[in-house]
Amino acid sequence: MPSAIEQIVDVYVRLKNRRGLDQLMMHRQRLAVDLKSRSGYDFSRPIGQIDDEIAIIEAGLSRLKAESADLGATHQI
């Protein structure tokens, strides 16, 4: 079963919502920076999860870009 972030990214890609994906990415990146700057507690698990989510979002952005390129090539014929 796909995780929540995978389902969200999939919906954004299907709706061609690049802005939503970008905002999701920026939010996760800010969280990662914030957690990495903290001390006094082992934040490795949440940082790892956020890094995994960033990778999923990057894959969604790549899918969206590939689909846009495919559409552009189709319309130029």
C-alpha atoms as a PDB file:
ATOM      1  CA  MET A   1       0.000   0.000   0.000  1.00  0.00           C
ATOM      2  CA  PRO A   2       1.451   3.386  -0.969  1.00  0.00           C
ATOM      3  CA  SER A   3       2.312   5.818   1.781  1.00  0.00           C
ATOM      4  CA  ALA A   4       0.379   9.033   2.261  1.00  0.00           C
ATOM      5  CA  ILE A   5       3.104  11.132   0.623  1.00  0.00           C
ATOM      6  CA  GLU A   6       3.168   8.787  -2.388  1.00  0.00           C
ATOM      7  CA  GLN A   7      -0.587   9.156  -2.793  1.00  0.00           C
ATOM      8  CA  ILE A   8      -0.402  12.949  -2.481  1.00  0.00           C
ATOM      9  CA  VAL A   9       2.415  13.185  -5.020  1.00  0.00           C
ATOM     10  CA  ASP A  10       0.548  10.869  -7.393  1.00  0.00           C
ATOM     11  CA  VAL A  11      -2.539  13.102  -7.265  1.00  0.00           C
ATOM     12  CA  TYR A  12      -0.449  16.234  -7.879  1.00  0.00           C
ATOM     13  CA  VAL A  13       1.191  14.563 -10.884  1.00  0.00           C
ATOM     14  CA  ARG A  14      -2.151  13.399 -12.296  1.00  0.00           C
ATOM     15  CA  LEU A  15      -3.543  16.922 -11.885  1.00  0.00           C
ATOM     16  CA  LYS A  16      -0.327  18.384 -13.348  1.00  0.00           C
ATOM     17  CA  ASN A  17       0.010  20.546 -10.229  1.00  0.00           C
ATOM     18  CA  ARG A  18       3.668  21.577 -10.403  1.00  0.00           C
ATOM     19  CA  ARG A  19       3.127  24.402  -7.923  1.00  0.00           C
ATOM     20  CA  GLY A  20       1.720  22.003  -5.320  1.00  0.00           C
ATOM     21  CA  LEU A  21       4.708  19.694  -5.729  1.00  0.00           C
ATOM     22  CA  ASP A  22       7.113  22.622  -5.439  1.00  0.00           C
ATOM     23  CA  GLN A  23       5.436  23.810  -2.241  1.00  0.00           C
ATOM     24  CA  LEU A  24       5.478  20.295  -0.808  1.00  0.00           C
ATOM     25  CA  MET A  25       9.187  20.070  -1.620  1.00  0.00           C
ATOM     26  CA  MET A  26      10.021  23.439  -0.058  1.00  0.00           C
ATOM     27  CA  HIS A  27       8.148  22.513   3.114  1.00  0.00           C
ATOM     28  CA  ARG A  28      10.004  19.201   3.474  1.00  0.00           C
ATOM     29  CA  GLN A  29      13.343  20.903   2.775  1.00  0.00           C
ATOM     30  CA  ARG A  30      12.660  23.515   5.475  1.00  0.00           C
ATOM     31  CA  LEU A  31      11.768  20.761   7.933  1.00  0.00           C
ATOM     32  CA  ALA A  32      14.984  18.901   7.126  1.00  0.00           C
ATOM     33  CA  VAL A  33      17.127  22.005   7.597  1.00  0.00           C
ATOM     34  CA  ASP A  34      15.399  22.795  10.881  1.00  0.00           C
ATOM     35  CA  LEU A  35      15.812  19.279  12.269  1.00  0.00           C
ATOM     36  CA  LYS A  36      19.446  19.037  11.153  1.00  0.00           C
ATOM     37  CA  SER A  37      20.265  22.265  12.999  1.00  0.00           C
ATOM     38  CA  ARG A  38      18.884  21.002  16.330  1.00  0.00           C
ATOM     39  CA  SER A  39      20.826  19.177  18.999  1.00  0.00           C
ATOM     40  CA  GLY A  40      20.079  17.381  22.249  1.00  0.00           C
ATOM     41  CA  TYR A  41      18.025  14.610  20.679  1.00  0.00           C
ATOM     42  CA  ASP A  42      18.588  11.998  17.993  1.00  0.00           C
ATOM     43  CA  PHE A  43      16.604  13.311  15.026  1.00  0.00           C
ATOM     44  CA  SER A  44      18.006  10.728  12.595  1.00  0.00           C
ATOM     45  CA  ARG A  45      14.695   8.857  12.153  1.00  0.00           C
ATOM     46  CA  PRO A  46      12.541  11.889  11.304  1.00  0.00           C
ATOM     47  CA  ILE A  47      15.337  13.294   9.130  1.00  0.00           C
ATOM     48  CA  GLY A  48      15.527   9.966   7.312  1.00  0.00           C
ATOM     49  CA  GLN A  49      11.775   9.950   6.771  1.00  0.00           C
ATOM     50  CA  ILE A  50      11.829  13.518   5.448  1.00  0.00           C
ATOM     51  CA  ASP A  51      14.717  12.628   3.120  1.00  0.00           C
ATOM     52  CA  ASP A  52      12.666   9.674   1.829  1.00  0.00           C
ATOM     53  CA  GLU A  53       9.687  11.973   1.254  1.00  0.00           C
ATOM     54  CA  ILE A  54      11.895  14.456  -0.603  1.00  0.00           C
ATOM     55  CA  ALA A  55      13.040  11.623  -2.885  1.00  0.00           C
ATOM     56  CA  ILE A  56       9.392  10.691  -3.576  1.00  0.00           C
ATOM     57  CA  ILE A  57       8.548  14.316  -4.397  1.00  0.00           C
ATOM     58  CA  GLU A  58      11.595  14.574  -6.690  1.00  0.00           C
ATOM     59  CA  ALA A  59      10.428  11.441  -8.509  1.00  0.00           C
ATOM     60  CA  GLY A  60       6.978  13.022  -8.907  1.00  0.00           C
ATOM     61  CA  LEU A  61       8.532  16.196 -10.320  1.00  0.00           C
ATOM     62  CA  SER A  62      10.514  14.060 -12.777  1.00  0.00           C
ATOM     63  CA  ARG A  63       7.346  12.229 -13.835  1.00  0.00           C
ATOM     64  CA  LEU A  64       5.549  15.525 -14.334  1.00  0.00           C
ATOM     65  CA  LYS A  65       8.439  16.886 -16.387  1.00  0.00           C
ATOM     66  CA  ALA A  66       8.565  13.732 -18.523  1.00  0.00           C
ATOM     67  CA  GLU A  67       4.815  13.871 -19.139  1.00  0.00           C
ATOM     68  CA  SER A  68       5.062  17.546 -20.121  1.00  0.00           C
ATOM     69  CA  ALA A  69       7.898  16.745 -22.525  1.00  0.00           C
ATOM     70  CA  ASP A  70       5.863  13.891 -24.040  1.00  0.00           C
ATOM     71  CA  LEU A  71       2.872  16.195 -24.518  1.00  0.00           C
ATOM     72  CA  GLY A  72       5.077  18.858 -26.108  1.00  0.00           C
ATOM     73  CA  ALA A  73       6.518  16.358 -28.571  1.00  0.00           C
ATOM     74  CA  THR A  74       3.038  15.088 -29.439  1.00  0.00           C
ATOM     75  CA  HIS A  75       1.634  18.571 -30.096  1.00  0.00           C
ATOM     76  CA  GLN A  76       4.493  19.547 -32.413  1.00  0.00           C
ATOM     77  CA  ILE A  77       3.648  16.897 -34.996  1.00  0.00           C
END
